[in-house]
C-alpha atoms as a PDB file:
ATOM      1  CA  MET A   1     -33.700 -30.052  31.633  1.00  0.00           C
ATOM      2  CA  PRO A   2     -35.801 -28.862  34.268  1.00  0.00           C
ATOM      3  CA  PHE A   3     -34.578 -25.562  36.342  1.00  0.00           C
ATOM      4  CA  ARG A   4     -34.747 -27.659  39.861  1.00  0.00           C
ATOM      5  CA  HIS A   5     -32.124 -29.806  38.875  1.00  0.00           C
ATOM      6  CA  VAL A   6     -29.241 -27.040  37.478  1.00  0.00           C
ATOM      7  CA  ARG A   7     -27.466 -26.910  40.582  1.00  0.00           C
ATOM      8  CA  GLN A   8     -26.650 -30.590  40.761  1.00  0.00           C
ATOM      9  CA  VAL A   9     -25.801 -30.919  37.094  1.00  0.00           C
ATOM     10  CA  ILE A  10     -23.237 -28.480  37.120  1.00  0.00           C
ATOM     11  CA  GLY A  11     -21.287 -28.247  40.751  1.00  0.00           C
ATOM     12  CA  VAL A  12     -21.981 -25.574  42.886  1.00  0.00           C
ATOM     13  CA  GLY A  13     -18.604 -24.962  44.816  1.00  0.00           C
ATOM     14  CA  ARG A  14     -16.274 -26.490  42.157  1.00  0.00           C
ATOM     15  CA  PRO A  15     -14.467 -24.713  39.658  1.00  0.00           C
ATOM     16  CA  PHE A  16     -16.254 -24.182  36.546  1.00  0.00           C
ATOM     17  CA  PRO A  17     -14.431 -25.676  33.703  1.00  0.00           C
ATOM     18  CA  GLY A  18     -15.262 -23.294  30.709  1.00  0.00           C
ATOM     19  CA  PRO A  19     -15.004 -19.743  30.208  1.00  0.00           C
ATOM     20  CA  ALA A  20     -16.130 -17.123  32.419  1.00  0.00           C
ATOM     21  CA  TRP A  21     -19.158 -15.967  30.631  1.00  0.00           C
ATOM     22  CA  LEU A  22     -20.590 -19.379  30.754  1.00  0.00           C
ATOM     23  CA  ALA A  23     -19.693 -19.699  34.426  1.00  0.00           C
ATOM     24  CA  GLY A  24     -21.820 -16.590  35.212  1.00  0.00           C
ATOM     25  CA  SER A  25     -24.458 -17.783  32.968  1.00  0.00           C
ATOM     26  CA  ALA A  26     -24.734 -21.015  34.884  1.00  0.00           C
ATOM     27  CA  ALA A  27     -24.598 -19.053  38.376  1.00  0.00           C
ATOM     28  CA  LEU A  28     -27.628 -17.267  36.847  1.00  0.00           C
ATOM     29  CA  LEU A  29     -29.425 -20.878  35.989  1.00  0.00           C
ATOM     30  CA  VAL A  30     -28.454 -21.671  39.605  1.00  0.00           C
ATOM     31  CA  LEU A  31     -30.419 -18.394  41.374  1.00  0.00           C
ATOM     32  CA  ALA A  32     -33.018 -19.034  39.220  1.00  0.00           C
ATOM     33  CA  ALA A  33     -33.471 -22.744  40.241  1.00  0.00           C
ATOM     34  CA  SER A  34     -33.352 -21.760  43.905  1.00  0.00           C
ATOM     35  CA  ALA A  35     -36.353 -19.048  42.897  1.00  0.00           C
ATOM     36  CA  VAL A  36     -38.304 -21.800  41.499  1.00  0.00           C
ATOM     37  CA  VAL A  37     -37.859 -24.426  44.186  1.00  0.00           C
ATOM     38  CA  ALA A  38     -38.592 -21.507  47.104  1.00  0.00           C
ATOM     39  CA  ASP A  39     -41.698 -20.758  45.209  1.00  0.00           C
ATOM     40  CA  GLU A  40     -43.398 -23.888  44.886  1.00  0.00           C
ATOM     41  CA  PRO A  41     -46.249 -24.065  47.710  1.00  0.00           C
ATOM     42  CA  GLN A  42     -45.921 -26.549  50.604  1.00  0.00           C
ATOM     43  CA  VAL A  43     -47.768 -29.734  50.690  1.00  0.00           C
ATOM     44  CA  ILE A  44     -48.989 -31.052  53.770  1.00  0.00           C
ATOM     45  CA  PRO A  45     -50.160 -34.778  53.498  1.00  0.00           C
ATOM     46  CA  LEU A  46     -53.231 -34.940  56.134  1.00  0.00           C
ATOM     47  CA  TRP A  47     -51.738 -38.344  57.168  1.00  0.00           C
ATOM     48  CA  GLU A  48     -47.678 -38.751  57.444  1.00  0.00           C
ATOM     49  CA  LYS A  49     -48.064 -42.267  57.410  1.00  0.00           C
ATOM     50  CA  GLY A  50     -50.729 -42.506  54.687  1.00  0.00           C
ATOM     51  CA  PRO A  51     -54.566 -42.566  55.374  1.00  0.00           C
ATOM     52  CA  PRO A  52     -55.675 -45.143  58.147  1.00  0.00           C
ATOM     53  CA  GLY A  53     -56.252 -48.382  56.808  1.00  0.00           C
ATOM     54  CA  PHE A  54     -54.495 -47.777  53.173  1.00  0.00           C
ATOM     55  CA  GLU A  55     -51.066 -46.831  54.771  1.00  0.00           C
ATOM     56  CA  HIS A  56     -49.456 -49.416  52.538  1.00  0.00           C
ATOM     57  CA  ARG A  57     -50.522 -47.441  49.134  1.00  0.00           C
ATOM     58  CA  LYS A  58     -49.253 -44.103  50.283  1.00  0.00           C
ATOM     59  CA  ASP A  59     -46.384 -43.949  48.118  1.00  0.00           C
ATOM     60  CA  GLU A  60     -48.217 -45.244  44.849  1.00  0.00           C
ATOM     61  CA  ALA A  61     -47.697 -42.900  41.903  1.00  0.00           C
ATOM     62  CA  GLU A  62     -50.374 -40.509  40.905  1.00  0.00           C
ATOM     63  CA  VAL A  63     -51.514 -39.903  37.516  1.00  0.00           C
ATOM     64  CA  VAL A  64     -51.321 -36.287  36.551  1.00  0.00           C
ATOM     65  CA  ASP A  65     -53.209 -35.415  33.271  1.00  0.00           C
ATOM     66  CA  LYS A  66     -53.410 -31.758  32.017  1.00  0.00           C
ATOM     67  CA  GLY A  67     -54.235 -30.736  35.456  1.00  0.00           C
ATOM     68  CA  THR A  68     -56.352 -33.683  36.733  1.00  0.00           C
ATOM     69  CA  ILE A  69     -55.000 -35.873  39.007  1.00  0.00           C
ATOM     70  CA  THR A  70     -56.625 -39.684  39.498  1.00  0.00           C
ATOM     71  CA  ASN A  71     -54.734 -42.428  41.482  1.00  0.00           C
ATOM     72  CA  ILE A  72     -54.895 -40.583  44.782  1.00  0.00           C
ATOM     73  CA  HIS A  73     -53.802 -42.561  47.975  1.00  0.00           C
ATOM     74  CA  GLN A  74     -52.313 -40.012  49.708  1.00  0.00           C
ATOM     75  CA  PRO A  75     -54.469 -36.798  51.186  1.00  0.00           C
ATOM     76  CA  THR A  76     -52.694 -33.412  51.260  1.00  0.00           C
ATOM     77  CA  LEU A  77     -53.184 -30.274  51.663  1.00  0.00           C
ATOM     78  CA  THR A  78     -51.468 -27.624  48.998  1.00  0.00           C
ATOM     79  CA  VAL A  79     -50.756 -24.224  50.970  1.00  0.00           C
ATOM     80  CA  PHE A  80     -51.222 -20.612  49.347  1.00  0.00           C
ATOM     81  CA  LEU A  81     -50.716 -18.016  51.938  1.00  0.00           C
ATOM     82  CA  PRO A  82     -51.001 -14.227  51.183  1.00  0.00           C
ATOM     83  CA  ALA A  83     -48.233 -12.035  51.422  1.00  0.00           C
ATOM     84  CA  GLU A  84     -46.639 -10.963  54.547  1.00  0.00           C
ATOM     85  CA  GLY A  85     -49.043  -8.827  56.493  1.00  0.00           C
ATOM     86  CA  LYS A  86     -51.763  -9.083  54.436  1.00  0.00           C
ATOM     87  CA  GLY A  87     -53.643 -11.637  56.032  1.00  0.00           C
ATOM     88  CA  ASN A  88     -56.804 -11.724  57.554  1.00  0.00           C
ATOM     89  CA  GLY A  89     -56.722 -14.612  59.959  1.00  0.00           C
ATOM     90  CA  VAL A  90     -59.534 -16.665  58.063  1.00  0.00           C
ATOM     91  CA  GLY A  91     -58.349 -20.036  56.639  1.00  0.00           C
ATOM     92  CA  VAL A  92     -60.919 -21.372  53.612  1.00  0.00           C
ATOM     93  CA  VAL A  93     -59.922 -25.617  52.330  1.00  0.00           C
ATOM     94  CA  VAL A  94     -60.476 -26.017  48.610  1.00  0.00           C
ATOM     95  CA  ALA A  95     -62.023 -28.622  47.338  1.00  0.00           C
ATOM     96  CA  PRO A  96     -61.413 -29.068  43.490  1.00  0.00           C
ATOM     97  CA  GLY A  97     -64.847 -30.872  41.395  1.00  0.00           C
ATOM     98  CA  GLY A  98     -64.278 -34.082  38.936  1.00  0.00           C
ATOM     99  CA  GLY A  99     -66.708 -36.152  39.206  1.00  0.00           C
ATOM    100  CA  LEU A 100     -65.147 -38.130  42.087  1.00  0.00           C
ATOM    101  CA  ALA A 101     -63.179 -40.026  39.392  1.00  0.00           C
ATOM    102  CA  LYS A 102     -60.865 -37.458  38.739  1.00  0.00           C
ATOM    103  CA  LEU A 103     -59.346 -34.143  40.256  1.00  0.00           C
ATOM    104  CA  GLY A 104     -59.512 -31.192  38.822  1.00  0.00           C
ATOM    105  CA  PHE A 105     -56.487 -29.826  40.947  1.00  0.00           C
ATOM    106  CA  GLN A 106     -55.888 -26.626  38.691  1.00  0.00           C
ATOM    107  CA  GLY A 107     -58.826 -25.296  37.499  1.00  0.00           C
ATOM    108  CA  GLY A 108     -60.799 -26.013  40.754  1.00  0.00           C
ATOM    109  CA  GLY A 109     -57.840 -26.374  43.405  1.00  0.00           C
ATOM    110  CA  VAL A 110     -55.170 -23.627  42.625  1.00  0.00           C
ATOM    111  CA  GLU A 111     -56.417 -21.027  40.348  1.00  0.00           C
ATOM    112  CA  PRO A 112     -59.038 -20.315  43.286  1.00  0.00           C
ATOM    113  CA  ALA A 113     -56.510 -20.670  45.995  1.00  0.00           C
ATOM    114  CA  ARG A 114     -53.971 -18.352  44.617  1.00  0.00           C
ATOM    115  CA  PHE A 115     -57.458 -15.677  44.207  1.00  0.00           C
ATOM    116  CA  LEU A 116     -58.111 -16.478  47.612  1.00  0.00           C
ATOM    117  CA  ALA A 117     -54.471 -15.942  48.665  1.00  0.00           C
ATOM    118  CA  ASP A 118     -54.358 -12.544  46.686  1.00  0.00           C
ATOM    119  CA  HIS A 119     -57.238 -11.048  48.844  1.00  0.00           C
ATOM    120  CA  GLY A 120     -56.007 -11.885  52.157  1.00  0.00           C
ATOM    121  CA  PHE A 121     -57.400 -15.766  53.109  1.00  0.00           C
ATOM    122  CA  ALA A 122     -54.958 -18.221  53.569  1.00  0.00           C
ATOM    123  CA  ALA A 123     -56.231 -21.243  51.114  1.00  0.00           C
ATOM    124  CA  PHE A 124     -55.032 -25.041  51.170  1.00  0.00           C
ATOM    125  CA  VAL A 125     -56.126 -27.250  48.077  1.00  0.00           C
ATOM    126  CA  LEU A 126     -57.581 -30.248  48.882  1.00  0.00           C
ATOM    127  CA  LYS A 127     -56.187 -33.690  47.146  1.00  0.00           C
ATOM    128  CA  TYR A 128     -59.032 -36.145  48.409  1.00  0.00           C
ATOM    129  CA  ARG A 129     -59.367 -39.682  47.397  1.00  0.00           C
ATOM    130  CA  LEU A 130     -61.874 -40.282  44.636  1.00  0.00           C
ATOM    131  CA  PRO A 131     -64.515 -42.811  45.801  1.00  0.00           C
ATOM    132  CA  ARG A 132     -65.674 -43.292  41.836  1.00  0.00           C
ATOM    133  CA  GLU A 133     -62.567 -44.034  40.143  1.00  0.00           C
ATOM    134  CA  ARG A 134     -62.985 -47.562  38.840  1.00  0.00           C
ATOM    135  CA  GLY A 135     -61.008 -50.220  40.934  1.00  0.00           C
ATOM    136  CA  VAL A 136     -60.357 -47.957  44.322  1.00  0.00           C
ATOM    137  CA  PRO A 137     -61.622 -48.940  47.907  1.00  0.00           C
ATOM    138  CA  TYR A 138     -63.075 -45.630  48.571  1.00  0.00           C
ATOM    139  CA  LYS A 139     -66.749 -44.687  49.760  1.00  0.00           C
ATOM    140  CA  PHE A 140     -68.238 -41.400  49.430  1.00  0.00           C
ATOM    141  CA  GLU A 141     -69.391 -41.807  52.860  1.00  0.00           C
ATOM    142  CA  GLU A 142     -66.695 -42.926  55.024  1.00  0.00           C
ATOM    143  CA  HIS A 143     -63.372 -41.918  52.914  1.00  0.00           C
ATOM    144  CA  SER A 144     -64.216 -38.405  51.429  1.00  0.00           C
ATOM    145  CA  LEU A 145     -65.922 -37.659  54.322  1.00  0.00           C
ATOM    146  CA  GLN A 146     -62.492 -38.633  56.398  1.00  0.00           C
ATOM    147  CA  ASP A 147     -60.594 -36.419  54.250  1.00  0.00           C
ATOM    148  CA  GLY A 148     -62.679 -33.313  54.325  1.00  0.00           C
ATOM    149  CA  GLN A 149     -62.333 -33.649  58.775  1.00  0.00           C
ATOM    150  CA  ARG A 150     -58.904 -34.371  58.207  1.00  0.00           C
ATOM    151  CA  ALA A 151     -58.494 -31.670  56.434  1.00  0.00           C
ATOM    152  CA  ILE A 152     -60.155 -28.881  58.812  1.00  0.00           C
ATOM    153  CA  ARG A 153     -58.272 -30.543  61.620  1.00  0.00           C
ATOM    154  CA  VAL A 154     -54.735 -30.151  60.098  1.00  0.00           C
ATOM    155  CA  VAL A 155     -55.596 -26.691  59.391  1.00  0.00           C
ATOM    156  CA  ARG A 156     -56.915 -25.808  62.809  1.00  0.00           C
ATOM    157  CA  SER A 157     -53.791 -27.712  64.114  1.00  0.00           C
ATOM    158  CA  ARG A 158     -51.325 -25.624  62.186  1.00  0.00           C
ATOM    159  CA  ALA A 159     -53.747 -22.441  62.740  1.00  0.00           C
ATOM    160  CA  THR A 160     -50.901 -20.364  64.659  1.00  0.00           C
ATOM    161  CA  ALA A 161     -48.016 -21.035  62.185  1.00  0.00           C
ATOM    162  CA  LEU A 162     -50.113 -20.880  59.393  1.00  0.00           C
ATOM    163  CA  GLY A 163     -51.199 -16.993  60.452  1.00  0.00           C
ATOM    164  CA  ILE A 164     -55.117 -17.974  60.956  1.00  0.00           C
ATOM    165  CA  ARG A 165     -57.310 -18.327  63.635  1.00  0.00           C
ATOM    166  CA  PRO A 166     -58.761 -21.802  64.681  1.00  0.00           C
ATOM    167  CA  GLU A 167     -62.632 -20.837  64.561  1.00  0.00           C
ATOM    168  CA  LYS A 168     -62.566 -19.208  61.086  1.00  0.00           C
ATOM    169  CA  VAL A 169     -61.603 -22.055  59.096  1.00  0.00           C
ATOM    170  CA  GLY A 170     -64.032 -22.790  56.562  1.00  0.00           C
ATOM    171  CA  MET A 171     -64.505 -24.813  53.066  1.00  0.00           C
ATOM    172  CA  LEU A 172     -64.732 -23.898  49.447  1.00  0.00           C
ATOM    173  CA  GLY A 173     -65.817 -26.983  46.675  1.00  0.00           C
ATOM    174  CA  PHE A 174     -67.079 -26.938  43.315  1.00  0.00           C
ATOM    175  CA  SER A 175     -69.136 -29.087  41.872  1.00  0.00           C
ATOM    176  CA  ALA A 176     -68.347 -32.886  43.193  1.00  0.00           C
ATOM    177  CA  GLY A 177     -65.861 -30.988  45.985  1.00  0.00           C
ATOM    178  CA  GLY A 178     -68.618 -29.385  46.884  1.00  0.00           C
ATOM    179  CA  GLU A 179     -70.233 -32.705  48.046  1.00  0.00           C
ATOM    180  CA  VAL A 180     -67.200 -33.384  49.598  1.00  0.00           C
ATOM    181  CA  VAL A 181     -67.885 -29.558  50.892  1.00  0.00           C
ATOM    182  CA  SER A 182     -71.622 -30.586  52.252  1.00  0.00           C
ATOM    183  CA  ILE A 183     -70.821 -34.207  53.857  1.00  0.00           C
ATOM    184  CA  THR A 184     -68.206 -32.814  55.844  1.00  0.00           C
ATOM    185  CA  SER A 185     -70.167 -29.242  56.652  1.00  0.00           C
ATOM    186  CA  TYR A 186     -73.256 -31.482  57.638  1.00  0.00           C
ATOM    187  CA  ARG A 187     -72.088 -33.868  59.974  1.00  0.00           C
ATOM    188  CA  PRO A 188     -70.785 -34.297  63.060  1.00  0.00           C
ATOM    189  CA  GLY A 189     -67.068 -33.010  63.695  1.00  0.00           C
ATOM    190  CA  THR A 190     -66.598 -32.872  67.313  1.00  0.00           C
ATOM    191  CA  GLY A 191     -62.971 -34.458  67.821  1.00  0.00           C
ATOM    192  CA  ASP A 192     -62.296 -37.198  70.322  1.00  0.00           C
ATOM    193  CA  PRO A 193     -61.002 -36.228  73.399  1.00  0.00           C
ATOM    194  CA  GLN A 194     -59.105 -39.380  74.222  1.00  0.00           C
ATOM    195  CA  ALA A 195     -57.322 -40.206  70.259  1.00  0.00           C
ATOM    196  CA  VAL A 196     -53.979 -40.813  70.736  1.00  0.00           C
ATOM    197  CA  ASP A 197     -53.163 -38.447  67.329  1.00  0.00           C
ATOM    198  CA  PRO A 198     -53.787 -35.124  68.832  1.00  0.00           C
ATOM    199  CA  ILE A 199     -55.455 -33.685  65.695  1.00  0.00           C
ATOM    200  CA  ASP A 200     -58.163 -35.917  65.901  1.00  0.00           C
ATOM    201  CA  ARG A 201     -59.142 -34.198  69.140  1.00  0.00           C
ATOM    202  CA  LEU A 202     -60.152 -31.115  67.099  1.00  0.00           C
ATOM    203  CA  ASP A 203     -63.681 -30.189  65.833  1.00  0.00           C
ATOM    204  CA  GLY A 204     -63.817 -31.193  61.857  1.00  0.00           C
ATOM    205  CA  ARG A 205     -66.721 -29.634  60.752  1.00  0.00           C
ATOM    206  CA  PRO A 206     -65.691 -25.955  59.175  1.00  0.00           C
ATOM    207  CA  ALA A 207     -67.376 -22.895  60.083  1.00  0.00           C
ATOM    208  CA  PHE A 208     -68.194 -21.905  56.835  1.00  0.00           C
ATOM    209  CA  GLN A 209     -69.148 -23.587  54.099  1.00  0.00           C
ATOM    210  CA  MET A 210     -69.285 -21.826  50.128  1.00  0.00           C
ATOM    211  CA  LEU A 211     -70.699 -24.052  47.120  1.00  0.00           C
ATOM    212  CA  VAL A 212     -70.048 -23.400  43.392  1.00  0.00           C
ATOM    213  CA  TYR A 213     -72.337 -25.421  41.369  1.00  0.00           C
ATOM    214  CA  PRO A 214     -72.472 -28.041  43.696  1.00  0.00           C
ATOM    215  CA  GLY A 215     -73.938 -31.766  43.449  1.00  0.00           C
ATOM    216  CA  PRO A 216     -76.544 -33.424  45.204  1.00  0.00           C
ATOM    217  CA  LEU A 217     -74.199 -35.575  47.222  1.00  0.00           C
ATOM    218  CA  GLY A 218     -73.786 -35.293  51.227  1.00  0.00           C
ATOM    219  CA  ILE A 219     -76.894 -32.878  51.403  1.00  0.00           C
ATOM    220  CA  PRO A 220     -79.724 -34.457  54.090  1.00  0.00           C
ATOM    221  CA  SER A 221     -83.033 -33.745  54.321  1.00  0.00           C
ATOM    222  CA  ARG A 222     -82.685 -31.397  57.371  1.00  0.00           C
ATOM    223  CA  LEU A 223     -79.899 -29.598  57.884  1.00  0.00           C
ATOM    224  CA  PRO A 224     -78.722 -30.409  61.500  1.00  0.00           C
ATOM    225  CA  THR A 225     -77.990 -28.201  64.320  1.00  0.00           C
ATOM    226  CA  GLY A 226     -74.695 -26.360  64.231  1.00  0.00           C
ATOM    227  CA  SER A 227     -74.553 -26.334  60.349  1.00  0.00           C
ATOM    228  CA  PRO A 228     -72.620 -23.538  59.328  1.00  0.00           C
ATOM    229  CA  PRO A 229     -73.475 -20.485  57.088  1.00  0.00           C
ATOM    230  CA  ALA A 230     -73.333 -20.902  53.133  1.00  0.00           C
ATOM    231  CA  PHE A 231     -72.214 -18.877  49.740  1.00  0.00           C
ATOM    232  CA  MET A 232     -73.835 -20.399  46.746  1.00  0.00           C
ATOM    233  CA  VAL A 233     -73.161 -20.000  43.176  1.00  0.00           C
ATOM    234  CA  ILE A 234     -74.596 -21.294  40.250  1.00  0.00           C
ATOM    235  CA  ALA A 235     -76.280 -20.859  36.714  1.00  0.00           C
ATOM    236  CA  ALA A 236     -79.893 -21.275  36.233  1.00  0.00           C
ATOM    237  CA  ASP A 237     -78.939 -23.898  33.074  1.00  0.00           C
ATOM    238  CA  ASP A 238     -76.784 -26.373  35.099  1.00  0.00           C
ATOM    239  CA  PRO A 239     -78.442 -29.277  35.777  1.00  0.00           C
ATOM    240  CA  HIS A 240     -77.777 -29.163  39.012  1.00  0.00           C
ATOM    241  CA  THR A 241     -79.781 -26.010  40.204  1.00  0.00           C
ATOM    242  CA  SER A 242     -82.337 -27.794  42.229  1.00  0.00           C
ATOM    243  CA  VAL A 243     -79.313 -28.362  44.513  1.00  0.00           C
ATOM    244  CA  VAL A 244     -79.345 -25.055  45.120  1.00  0.00           C
ATOM    245  CA  ILE A 245     -82.536 -23.737  44.893  1.00  0.00           C
ATOM    246  CA  ASN A 246     -83.111 -26.735  47.679  1.00  0.00           C
ATOM    247  CA  LEU A 247     -80.445 -26.311  49.772  1.00  0.00           C
ATOM    248  CA  MET A 248     -81.817 -22.076  49.939  1.00  0.00           C
ATOM    249  CA  ASN A 249     -85.260 -24.041  51.568  1.00  0.00           C
ATOM    250  CA  LEU A 250     -83.121 -25.484  53.841  1.00  0.00           C
ATOM    251  CA  PHE A 251     -81.371 -22.489  54.977  1.00  0.00           C
ATOM    252  CA  ARG A 252     -84.720 -20.765  55.170  1.00  0.00           C
ATOM    253  CA  GLU A 253     -86.342 -23.431  57.252  1.00  0.00           C
ATOM    254  CA  SER A 254     -83.425 -23.953  59.742  1.00  0.00           C
ATOM    255  CA  ASP A 255     -82.558 -20.380  60.295  1.00  0.00           C
ATOM    256  CA  ILE A 256     -79.469 -20.480  59.086  1.00  0.00           C
ATOM    257  CA  ASP A 257     -77.649 -17.054  56.798  1.00  0.00           C
ATOM    258  CA  TYR A 258     -76.786 -17.948  53.404  1.00  0.00           C
ATOM    259  CA  GLU A 259     -76.463 -16.631  50.606  1.00  0.00           C
ATOM    260  CA  ALA A 260     -77.236 -17.692  46.877  1.00  0.00           C
ATOM    261  CA  HIS A 261     -76.371 -16.368  43.910  1.00  0.00           C
ATOM    262  CA  VAL A 262     -78.222 -18.237  40.586  1.00  0.00           C
ATOM    263  CA  TYR A 263     -77.236 -16.656  36.950  1.00  0.00           C
ATOM    264  CA  ALA A 264     -78.986 -16.822  34.198  1.00  0.00           C
ATOM    265  CA  ARG A 265     -76.807 -19.115  31.894  1.00  0.00           C
ATOM    266  CA  GLY A 266     -73.356 -20.172  32.307  1.00  0.00           C
ATOM    267  CA  GLY A 267     -73.931 -23.838  32.295  1.00  0.00           C
ATOM    268  CA  HIS A 268     -71.259 -26.111  34.834  1.00  0.00           C
ATOM    269  CA  GLY A 269     -67.782 -25.900  35.452  1.00  0.00           C
ATOM    270  CA  PHE A 270     -67.324 -21.636  34.956  1.00  0.00           C
ATOM    271  CA  GLY A 271     -64.484 -21.527  37.621  1.00  0.00           C
ATOM    272  CA  VAL A 272     -63.130 -18.656  38.235  1.00  0.00           C
ATOM    273  CA  SER A 273     -61.534 -17.624  35.266  1.00  0.00           C
ATOM    274  CA  LYS A 274     -63.063 -19.444  32.218  1.00  0.00           C
ATOM    275  CA  SER A 275     -66.649 -16.985  31.284  1.00  0.00           C
ATOM    276  CA  GLN A 276     -66.949 -15.298  28.668  1.00  0.00           C
ATOM    277  CA  ARG A 277     -70.559 -13.577  30.338  1.00  0.00           C
ATOM    278  CA  ARG A 278     -69.751 -10.329  32.442  1.00  0.00           C
ATOM    279  CA  SER A 279     -72.053 -11.600  35.099  1.00  0.00           C
ATOM    280  CA  LEU A 280     -70.240 -14.630  35.788  1.00  0.00           C
ATOM    281  CA  GLU A 281     -66.829 -13.110  35.443  1.00  0.00           C
ATOM    282  CA  HIS A 282     -67.437 -11.369  38.504  1.00  0.00           C
ATOM    283  CA  TRP A 283     -68.688 -13.664  40.931  1.00  0.00           C
ATOM    284  CA  PRO A 284     -65.509 -14.521  42.611  1.00  0.00           C
ATOM    285  CA  GLU A 285     -65.430 -10.748  44.069  1.00  0.00           C
ATOM    286  CA  ARG A 286     -69.051 -11.643  45.051  1.00  0.00           C
ATOM    287  CA  MET A 287     -67.589 -14.343  47.193  1.00  0.00           C
ATOM    288  CA  ILE A 288     -65.095 -12.488  48.567  1.00  0.00           C
ATOM    289  CA  ASP A 289     -68.058  -9.606  49.663  1.00  0.00           C
ATOM    290  CA  TRP A 290     -69.552 -12.572  51.816  1.00  0.00           C
ATOM    291  CA  LEU A 291     -66.204 -13.672  53.334  1.00  0.00           C
ATOM    292  CA  GLU A 292     -65.387  -9.865  54.118  1.00  0.00           C
ATOM    293  CA  ASP A 293     -69.561  -9.206  55.741  1.00  0.00           C
ATOM    294  CA  GLU A 294     -69.916 -12.476  57.335  1.00  0.00           C
ATOM    295  CA  VAL A 295     -66.588 -14.128  58.131  1.00  0.00           C
ATOM    296  CA  VAL A 296     -63.885 -11.478  58.307  1.00  0.00           C
ATOM    297  CA  ALA A 297     -66.641  -8.843  59.970  1.00  0.00           C
ATOM    298  CA  GLU A 298     -68.026 -11.201  62.636  1.00  0.00           C
ATOM    299  CA  PRO A 299     -71.021 -10.149  62.002  1.00  0.00           C
ATOM    300  CA  ARG A 300     -74.659 -10.183  64.462  1.00  0.00           C
ATOM    301  CA  LYS A 301     -78.041 -11.410  64.107  1.00  0.00           C
ATOM    302  CA  PRO A 302     -80.140  -8.216  65.363  1.00  0.00           C
ATOM    303  CA  ARG A 303     -82.231  -9.670  68.695  1.00  0.00           C
END
């Protein structure tokens, strides 16, 4: 029996029909249940009534299978905040991978979000719609971009309550999630000042981007003005290594700050805790170093 239902079963506020020791045990279960519920992270829908044009699908049940999710029709952000007094004012929207056909929510979302929160960053796992899932009406160029921009705007709209600075909200993406980050980073994100929804008046482009073994979608032939600085990680034996190499050249041509780590081996999908190689085991620390130097510390380029 799940803890979250214990309070309803035993009936708080009525005499317990049994031995005193059993009543005491039941009370402990109630306390445990309350703690479990309290520890569940907050989930924020990107649109309260569902995505524009697909409001009628927002209540369709998602399919969860061993940490992956499909049939997503109500995009959300799951919130992981640093301990009280430990935050540094920076927010990171985390886009998990899964080939745009499923969402690796645990390994590419929850785990890195918790890692970021442990280091003082407010993290928000983006559950986005999947354009490559069979039978869905969604398109990468339209709906993946829409979800990415809306996620940035929603976080910025709640910046004060979340203890972050709206100009310091960026994105982290794994594999196909990196493609969502790319299209969100390289497309114009200017808000509509006449929008009925005040959230849509805010800028939807991230202030920085972090790409972990990204796919090729969403990357233009030239980086547009205003493209955010980047941190990139990939293994040399990953089929998509050329994506990062190409991006490095684009960043150099555009004089936009970047940092890239290309590890000798590791394949695709090593995440934040899966690799047995010492170098890859510590790449998340290199990401934190970059964030501290380039985002938290507000570096200035020499004139």
